Amino acid sequence: MAYRLLVLTAMDDLAVAPEAAKPGERETITVISPVSFPVVPGHMGLSFCSPRGRRREFRQYLVEDAVDAFWDLVEEKFGITR
C-alpha cells in the first residue's frame, strides 16, 4: 500500500491519507494514541477527518481488532483494499 497511502507521524499519533488526494483536500485516518485522546482500557482509537464539511469521526475498537479495524476504515473511507 506504500504507493497508495501517504503517512504522517506526529508525536504519538499515526495518520494516513490517500496519495491521490489534492493538498488541502486530504481526508485522513489517524491512529490515536491514548495520550492524545482517552480511550476505554483495552481499546484503541481511530479518527477520520475530512476538510469537506469539516467532519470528524472517532471510533474505538478492542486492541486485538486494531489491524482489521484500521484496514476496514481505509476501505470504507478511501476505497483502498489491502
Protein backbone atom coordinates (compact mmCIF):
# COMPACT_ATOMS: atom_id res chain seq x y z
CA MET A 1 0.00 0.00 0.00
CA ALA A 2 3.02 2.30 0.17
CA TYR A 3 2.21 3.68 -3.29
CA ARG A 4 -1.47 4.40 -2.42
CA LEU A 5 -1.24 5.90 1.08
CA LEU A 6 0.69 8.84 2.49
CA VAL A 7 1.85 8.50 6.08
CA LEU A 8 2.48 11.17 8.70
CA THR A 9 3.56 10.71 12.28
CA ALA A 10 3.07 13.37 14.93
CA MET A 11 4.47 12.83 18.41
CA ASP A 12 2.24 9.91 19.45
CA ASP A 13 -0.19 9.50 16.54
CA LEU A 14 -0.01 7.96 13.06
CA ALA A 15 -2.08 9.44 10.21
CA VAL A 16 -2.68 8.15 6.68
CA ALA A 17 -4.22 9.83 3.65
CA PRO A 18 -4.87 8.66 0.10
CA GLU A 19 -1.96 9.52 -2.18
CA ALA A 20 -4.26 10.65 -5.00
CA ALA A 21 -5.95 13.41 -2.97
CA LYS A 22 -5.05 17.03 -3.64
CA PRO A 23 -3.29 19.04 -0.91
CA GLY A 24 -5.86 20.85 1.22
CA GLU A 25 -8.50 18.26 0.34
CA ARG A 26 -6.90 15.27 2.00
CA GLU A 27 -9.08 13.22 4.27
CA THR A 28 -7.09 11.47 6.97
CA ILE A 29 -7.41 8.45 9.23
CA THR A 30 -5.43 8.77 12.44
CA VAL A 31 -4.49 6.01 14.84
CA ILE A 32 -4.99 7.91 18.09
CA SER A 33 -2.62 7.49 20.98
CA PRO A 34 -4.24 7.25 24.42
CA VAL A 35 -2.00 10.22 25.28
CA SER A 36 -3.90 12.34 22.73
CA PHE A 37 -7.43 11.16 23.43
CA PRO A 38 -8.67 8.98 26.29
CA VAL A 39 -9.92 5.54 25.28
CA VAL A 40 -11.53 2.74 27.23
CA PRO A 41 -8.85 0.44 28.72
CA GLY A 42 -8.04 -2.37 26.30
CA HIS A 43 -9.19 -0.31 23.32
CA MET A 44 -7.56 1.85 20.66
CA GLY A 45 -8.95 4.80 18.76
CA LEU A 46 -9.28 5.65 15.08
CA SER A 47 -10.21 9.12 13.92
CA PHE A 48 -11.42 10.14 10.47
CA CYS A 49 -11.15 13.79 9.48
CA SER A 50 -12.43 15.39 6.30
CA PRO A 51 -11.86 19.03 5.34
CA ARG A 52 -15.01 18.73 3.21
CA GLY A 53 -17.82 19.63 5.56
CA ARG A 54 -15.28 19.82 8.41
CA ARG A 55 -16.29 16.38 9.55
CA ARG A 56 -14.52 14.37 12.24
CA GLU A 57 -15.43 10.88 13.47
CA PHE A 58 -13.90 8.95 16.36
CA ARG A 59 -14.29 5.21 16.87
CA GLN A 60 -12.90 2.84 19.48
CA TYR A 61 -12.01 -0.81 18.92
CA LEU A 62 -10.60 -3.60 21.02
CA VAL A 63 -6.81 -3.69 20.77
CA GLU A 64 -6.87 -7.20 19.31
CA ASP A 65 -9.07 -5.90 16.46
CA ALA A 66 -6.82 -2.90 15.72
CA VAL A 67 -5.27 -4.03 12.42
CA ASP A 68 -8.53 -5.27 10.91
CA ALA A 69 -10.40 -2.17 12.12
CA PHE A 70 -7.77 0.09 10.56
CA TRP A 71 -7.95 -1.61 7.15
CA ASP A 72 -11.76 -1.75 7.27
CA LEU A 73 -11.82 2.02 7.79
CA VAL A 74 -9.27 2.60 4.99
CA GLU A 75 -11.52 0.61 2.65
CA GLU A 76 -14.70 2.36 3.84
CA LYS A 77 -13.34 5.92 3.61
CA PHE A 78 -10.75 5.72 0.81
CA GLY A 79 -11.90 2.67 -1.20
CA ILE A 80 -8.42 1.13 -0.85
CA THR A 81 -8.26 -2.57 -0.03
CA ARG A 82 -5.26 -4.42 1.31
